[in-house]
Amino acid sequence: MYERRHETVASKAVFLRRMVNHILVAFLLVVCALAIGVSGYHWLAGLSWVDSLYEASMILGGMGPFNRLDSNAAKIFASLYALFSGLVFIALIGIVLAPIAHRMLHIFHTEGDID
């Protein structure tokens, strides 16, 4: 996927295409994580679809819960979803920053080569 250490640095067009691809993967991950949260809040907490979307978005975005949860199943789901959301956030940062970090390291590596 990326160029190897003996290859030249990718062009800006290749780098931008790579960034777009990584951002699309990150977006799909957010959509999947949001779908899990919306479904769980709707079926386990009994919230409406809109309230479920709002609650899942707030948790996934790091803002915290909004609605009061009464059942134990809903509280357990909310706890697990909050932990899952934290891991999704870490994964998203890695996915989006990977091409940037690779390009920077590759540029530093090629600048230091003495032939």
N, C-alpha and C. Protein backbone atom coordinates (compact mmCIF):
# COMPACT_ATOMS: atom_id res chain seq x y z
N MET A 1 0.82 -1.19 0.00
CA MET A 1 0.00 0.00 0.00
C MET A 1 0.87 1.26 0.00
N TYR A 2 1.87 1.27 0.85
CA TYR A 2 2.78 2.41 0.90
C TYR A 2 4.07 2.06 0.17
N GLU A 3 4.83 3.10 -0.19
CA GLU A 3 6.11 2.86 -0.84
C GLU A 3 7.12 2.35 0.19
N ARG A 4 8.04 1.56 -0.29
CA ARG A 4 9.07 0.99 0.58
C ARG A 4 10.22 1.98 0.76
N ARG A 5 11.13 1.65 1.65
CA ARG A 5 12.18 2.61 2.00
C ARG A 5 13.13 2.93 0.85
N HIS A 6 13.30 2.03 -0.10
CA HIS A 6 14.20 2.31 -1.22
C HIS A 6 13.50 3.02 -2.37
N GLU A 7 12.17 3.19 -2.28
CA GLU A 7 11.41 3.87 -3.33
C GLU A 7 11.34 5.37 -3.04
N THR A 8 11.04 6.14 -4.07
CA THR A 8 10.92 7.59 -3.88
C THR A 8 9.62 7.91 -3.14
N VAL A 9 9.56 9.12 -2.62
CA VAL A 9 8.37 9.59 -1.90
C VAL A 9 7.22 9.70 -2.90
N ALA A 10 6.05 9.31 -2.47
CA ALA A 10 4.87 9.36 -3.34
C ALA A 10 4.56 10.80 -3.73
N SER A 11 3.97 10.96 -4.91
CA SER A 11 3.60 12.30 -5.37
C SER A 11 2.46 12.84 -4.51
N LYS A 12 2.21 14.13 -4.65
CA LYS A 12 1.12 14.75 -3.88
C LYS A 12 -0.23 14.16 -4.25
N ALA A 13 -0.42 13.82 -5.53
CA ALA A 13 -1.68 13.24 -5.97
C ALA A 13 -1.91 11.87 -5.32
N VAL A 14 -0.85 11.06 -5.26
CA VAL A 14 -0.96 9.75 -4.61
C VAL A 14 -1.23 9.93 -3.13
N PHE A 15 -0.53 10.88 -2.50
CA PHE A 15 -0.73 11.13 -1.08
C PHE A 15 -2.16 11.60 -0.80
N LEU A 16 -2.68 12.51 -1.62
CA LEU A 16 -4.05 13.00 -1.42
C LEU A 16 -5.07 11.89 -1.62
N ARG A 17 -4.85 11.04 -2.61
CA ARG A 17 -5.75 9.89 -2.83
C ARG A 17 -5.71 8.96 -1.62
N ARG A 18 -4.51 8.75 -1.10
CA ARG A 18 -4.35 7.90 0.08
C ARG A 18 -5.08 8.51 1.28
N MET A 19 -4.97 9.83 1.44
CA MET A 19 -5.67 10.49 2.55
C MET A 19 -7.18 10.37 2.40
N VAL A 20 -7.68 10.56 1.19
CA VAL A 20 -9.12 10.44 0.95
C VAL A 20 -9.58 9.02 1.28
N ASN A 21 -8.81 8.02 0.86
CA ASN A 21 -9.18 6.64 1.16
C ASN A 21 -9.21 6.38 2.67
N HIS A 22 -8.23 6.89 3.38
CA HIS A 22 -8.20 6.69 4.83
C HIS A 22 -9.35 7.42 5.52
N ILE A 23 -9.67 8.60 5.03
CA ILE A 23 -10.80 9.34 5.62
C ILE A 23 -12.11 8.62 5.35
N LEU A 24 -12.25 8.03 4.17
CA LEU A 24 -13.46 7.25 3.87
C LEU A 24 -13.57 6.02 4.77
N VAL A 25 -12.46 5.35 5.01
CA VAL A 25 -12.48 4.20 5.93
C VAL A 25 -12.86 4.67 7.34
N ALA A 26 -12.32 5.80 7.76
CA ALA A 26 -12.66 6.34 9.08
C ALA A 26 -14.14 6.70 9.15
N PHE A 27 -14.67 7.27 8.08
CA PHE A 27 -16.09 7.62 8.04
C PHE A 27 -16.96 6.37 8.13
N LEU A 28 -16.58 5.32 7.42
CA LEU A 28 -17.34 4.07 7.48
C LEU A 28 -17.29 3.47 8.89
N LEU A 29 -16.15 3.58 9.54
CA LEU A 29 -16.04 3.09 10.92
C LEU A 29 -16.97 3.88 11.84
N VAL A 30 -17.04 5.18 11.65
CA VAL A 30 -17.94 6.01 12.47
C VAL A 30 -19.40 5.62 12.22
N VAL A 31 -19.76 5.40 10.95
CA VAL A 31 -21.14 5.02 10.62
C VAL A 31 -21.48 3.68 11.27
N CYS A 32 -20.57 2.70 11.20
CA CYS A 32 -20.82 1.40 11.82
C CYS A 32 -20.95 1.52 13.34
N ALA A 33 -20.06 2.28 13.96
CA ALA A 33 -20.12 2.47 15.40
C ALA A 33 -21.40 3.19 15.81
N LEU A 34 -21.81 4.15 15.02
CA LEU A 34 -23.05 4.88 15.30
C LEU A 34 -24.26 3.96 15.14
N ALA A 35 -24.24 3.09 14.14
CA ALA A 35 -25.34 2.15 13.94
C ALA A 35 -25.46 1.19 15.13
N ILE A 36 -24.33 0.75 15.65
CA ILE A 36 -24.36 -0.12 16.84
C ILE A 36 -24.99 0.61 18.01
N GLY A 37 -24.57 1.85 18.22
CA GLY A 37 -25.10 2.63 19.34
C GLY A 37 -26.58 2.94 19.19
N VAL A 38 -26.99 3.33 18.01
CA VAL A 38 -28.41 3.66 17.78
C VAL A 38 -29.27 2.42 18.01
N SER A 39 -28.84 1.29 17.49
CA SER A 39 -29.61 0.05 17.66
C SER A 39 -29.71 -0.34 19.12
N GLY A 40 -28.59 -0.27 19.82
CA GLY A 40 -28.60 -0.65 21.24
C GLY A 40 -29.47 0.26 22.08
N TYR A 41 -29.36 1.55 21.87
CA TYR A 41 -30.19 2.47 22.65
C TYR A 41 -31.67 2.34 22.30
N HIS A 42 -31.95 2.04 21.05
CA HIS A 42 -33.36 1.89 20.66
C HIS A 42 -33.97 0.63 21.26
N TRP A 43 -33.28 -0.50 21.10
CA TRP A 43 -33.87 -1.77 21.53
C TRP A 43 -33.67 -2.07 23.01
N LEU A 44 -32.56 -1.65 23.59
CA LEU A 44 -32.32 -1.98 25.00
C LEU A 44 -32.82 -0.89 25.95
N ALA A 45 -32.71 0.36 25.55
CA ALA A 45 -33.14 1.45 26.44
C ALA A 45 -34.54 1.93 26.13
N GLY A 46 -35.09 1.49 24.99
CA GLY A 46 -36.45 1.89 24.63
C GLY A 46 -36.57 3.33 24.17
N LEU A 47 -35.48 3.92 23.72
CA LEU A 47 -35.53 5.29 23.24
C LEU A 47 -36.05 5.31 21.80
N SER A 48 -36.59 6.44 21.38
CA SER A 48 -37.01 6.58 19.99
C SER A 48 -35.77 6.59 19.10
N TRP A 49 -35.99 6.44 17.79
CA TRP A 49 -34.84 6.41 16.88
C TRP A 49 -34.06 7.72 16.93
N VAL A 50 -34.75 8.82 17.02
CA VAL A 50 -34.07 10.12 17.06
C VAL A 50 -33.30 10.29 18.36
N ASP A 51 -33.93 9.92 19.48
CA ASP A 51 -33.24 10.00 20.77
C ASP A 51 -32.06 9.03 20.82
N SER A 52 -32.22 7.87 20.21
CA SER A 52 -31.13 6.90 20.16
C SER A 52 -29.95 7.45 19.35
N LEU A 53 -30.26 8.09 18.23
CA LEU A 53 -29.22 8.70 17.41
C LEU A 53 -28.51 9.80 18.20
N TYR A 54 -29.28 10.61 18.89
CA TYR A 54 -28.71 11.70 19.68
C TYR A 54 -27.81 11.15 20.79
N GLU A 55 -28.30 10.14 21.49
CA GLU A 55 -27.54 9.55 22.60
C GLU A 55 -26.25 8.90 22.10
N ALA A 56 -26.34 8.12 21.02
CA ALA A 56 -25.16 7.46 20.47
C ALA A 56 -24.17 8.49 19.94
N SER A 57 -24.66 9.54 19.32
CA SER A 57 -23.77 10.59 18.80
C SER A 57 -23.06 11.30 19.94
N MET A 58 -23.77 11.56 21.01
CA MET A 58 -23.15 12.24 22.15
C MET A 58 -22.07 11.37 22.78
N ILE A 59 -22.32 10.09 22.93
CA ILE A 59 -21.32 9.19 23.51
C ILE A 59 -20.13 9.05 22.56
N LEU A 60 -20.40 8.79 21.28
CA LEU A 60 -19.34 8.60 20.31
C LEU A 60 -18.49 9.86 20.14
N GLY A 61 -19.11 11.01 20.27
CA GLY A 61 -18.38 12.27 20.16
C GLY A 61 -17.67 12.69 21.43
N GLY A 62 -17.84 11.94 22.50
CA GLY A 62 -17.15 12.23 23.75
C GLY A 62 -17.85 13.24 24.64
N MET A 63 -19.10 13.56 24.33
CA MET A 63 -19.82 14.55 25.12
C MET A 63 -20.49 13.96 26.36
N GLY A 64 -20.77 12.68 26.34
CA GLY A 64 -21.39 12.04 27.49
C GLY A 64 -22.86 11.77 27.26
N PRO A 65 -23.46 11.01 28.18
CA PRO A 65 -24.87 10.63 28.03
C PRO A 65 -25.81 11.81 28.27
N PHE A 66 -27.01 11.67 27.71
CA PHE A 66 -28.00 12.72 27.85
C PHE A 66 -29.28 12.21 28.52
N ASN A 67 -29.79 11.09 28.05
CA ASN A 67 -31.05 10.54 28.57
C ASN A 67 -30.81 9.67 29.80
N ARG A 68 -31.82 9.62 30.64
CA ARG A 68 -31.78 8.75 31.82
C ARG A 68 -32.11 7.33 31.39
N LEU A 69 -31.29 6.39 31.84
CA LEU A 69 -31.50 4.98 31.52
C LEU A 69 -32.01 4.27 32.77
N ASP A 70 -33.11 3.52 32.62
CA ASP A 70 -33.75 2.89 33.77
C ASP A 70 -33.42 1.41 33.92
N SER A 71 -33.28 0.69 32.83
CA SER A 71 -33.06 -0.76 32.95
C SER A 71 -31.56 -1.07 33.09
N ASN A 72 -31.29 -2.19 33.74
CA ASN A 72 -29.90 -2.60 33.91
C ASN A 72 -29.25 -2.95 32.57
N ALA A 73 -30.01 -3.56 31.68
CA ALA A 73 -29.48 -3.91 30.36
C ALA A 73 -29.04 -2.65 29.61
N ALA A 74 -29.83 -1.60 29.69
CA ALA A 74 -29.49 -0.35 29.02
C ALA A 74 -28.25 0.28 29.64
N LYS A 75 -28.12 0.19 30.95
CA LYS A 75 -26.95 0.76 31.62
C LYS A 75 -25.68 -0.01 31.27
N ILE A 76 -25.79 -1.33 31.21
CA ILE A 76 -24.63 -2.15 30.83
C ILE A 76 -24.24 -1.85 29.38
N PHE A 77 -25.24 -1.77 28.50
CA PHE A 77 -24.95 -1.43 27.11
C PHE A 77 -24.28 -0.06 27.02
N ALA A 78 -24.79 0.91 27.75
CA ALA A 78 -24.22 2.26 27.70
C ALA A 78 -22.77 2.25 28.18
N SER A 79 -22.47 1.47 29.20
CA SER A 79 -21.10 1.38 29.69
C SER A 79 -20.19 0.76 28.65
N LEU A 80 -20.62 -0.35 28.06
CA LEU A 80 -19.82 -1.02 27.04
C LEU A 80 -19.67 -0.16 25.79
N TYR A 81 -20.73 0.55 25.42
CA TYR A 81 -20.67 1.41 24.25
C TYR A 81 -19.73 2.60 24.49
N ALA A 82 -19.69 3.11 25.69
CA ALA A 82 -18.78 4.21 26.00
C ALA A 82 -17.32 3.73 25.89
N LEU A 83 -17.02 2.54 26.39
CA LEU A 83 -15.67 2.00 26.26
C LEU A 83 -15.34 1.74 24.79
N PHE A 84 -16.28 1.18 24.07
CA PHE A 84 -16.11 0.92 22.64
C PHE A 84 -15.86 2.23 21.89
N SER A 85 -16.57 3.27 22.25
CA SER A 85 -16.41 4.57 21.59
C SER A 85 -15.01 5.14 21.79
N GLY A 86 -14.46 4.94 22.98
CA GLY A 86 -13.10 5.39 23.23
C GLY A 86 -12.10 4.67 22.35
N LEU A 87 -12.29 3.36 22.16
CA LEU A 87 -11.40 2.59 21.29
C LEU A 87 -11.59 2.99 19.83
N VAL A 88 -12.81 3.29 19.43
CA VAL A 88 -13.07 3.75 18.06
C VAL A 88 -12.35 5.07 17.82
N PHE A 89 -12.37 5.95 18.79
CA PHE A 89 -11.69 7.24 18.66
C PHE A 89 -10.20 7.04 18.44
N ILE A 90 -9.60 6.16 19.23
CA ILE A 90 -8.17 5.88 19.07
C ILE A 90 -7.88 5.30 17.69
N ALA A 91 -8.74 4.38 17.24
CA ALA A 91 -8.56 3.77 15.91
C ALA A 91 -8.70 4.82 14.81
N LEU A 92 -9.65 5.72 14.96
CA LEU A 92 -9.84 6.77 13.95
C LEU A 92 -8.61 7.67 13.84
N ILE A 93 -8.04 8.02 14.95
CA ILE A 93 -6.83 8.85 14.92
C ILE A 93 -5.71 8.11 14.20
N GLY A 94 -5.55 6.83 14.48
CA GLY A 94 -4.53 6.04 13.81
C GLY A 94 -4.76 5.93 12.31
N ILE A 95 -6.01 5.71 11.93
CA ILE A 95 -6.34 5.55 10.50
C ILE A 95 -6.07 6.85 9.73
N VAL A 96 -6.46 7.96 10.30
CA VAL A 96 -6.32 9.24 9.60
C VAL A 96 -4.87 9.73 9.61
N LEU A 97 -4.15 9.49 10.69
CA LEU A 97 -2.79 10.00 10.78
C LEU A 97 -1.74 9.08 10.16
N ALA A 98 -2.07 7.84 9.88
CA ALA A 98 -1.09 6.88 9.34
C ALA A 98 -0.43 7.37 8.05
N PRO A 99 -1.19 7.86 7.05
CA PRO A 99 -0.50 8.32 5.84
C PRO A 99 0.39 9.53 6.08
N ILE A 100 -0.02 10.40 6.97
CA ILE A 100 0.78 11.60 7.27
C ILE A 100 2.08 11.20 7.96
N ALA A 101 1.96 10.32 8.96
CA ALA A 101 3.16 9.87 9.68
C ALA A 101 4.10 9.12 8.74
N HIS A 102 3.54 8.27 7.88
CA HIS A 102 4.38 7.53 6.95
C HIS A 102 5.11 8.47 6.00
N ARG A 103 4.40 9.44 5.49
CA ARG A 103 5.03 10.38 4.54
C ARG A 103 6.14 11.17 5.21
N MET A 104 5.89 11.65 6.42
CA MET A 104 6.92 12.40 7.14
C MET A 104 8.15 11.53 7.39
N LEU A 105 7.94 10.32 7.88
CA LEU A 105 9.07 9.44 8.15
C LEU A 105 9.81 9.06 6.86
N HIS A 106 9.06 8.86 5.79
CA HIS A 106 9.69 8.51 4.52
C HIS A 106 10.53 9.68 3.99
N ILE A 107 10.02 10.89 4.12
CA ILE A 107 10.79 12.07 3.69
C ILE A 107 12.05 12.21 4.53
N PHE A 108 11.94 12.04 5.83
CA PHE A 108 13.13 12.14 6.69
C PHE A 108 14.13 11.06 6.33
N HIS A 109 13.65 9.86 6.01
CA HIS A 109 14.54 8.76 5.67
C HIS A 109 15.27 9.02 4.36
N THR A 110 14.55 9.50 3.36
CA THR A 110 15.20 9.72 2.07
C THR A 110 16.14 10.91 2.09
N GLU A 111 15.86 11.91 2.92
CA GLU A 111 16.76 13.06 3.01
C GLU A 111 18.07 12.68 3.67
N GLY A 112 18.06 11.69 4.54
CA GLY A 112 19.25 11.30 5.26
C GLY A 112 20.11 10.29 4.51
N ASP A 113 19.63 9.77 3.39
CA ASP A 113 20.40 8.78 2.63
C ASP A 113 21.62 9.39 1.99
N ILE A 114 22.72 8.74 2.13
CA ILE A 114 23.94 9.15 1.45
C ILE A 114 24.32 8.03 0.49
N ASP A 115 24.34 8.34 -0.79
CA ASP A 115 24.66 7.32 -1.79
C ASP A 115 26.12 7.29 -2.10
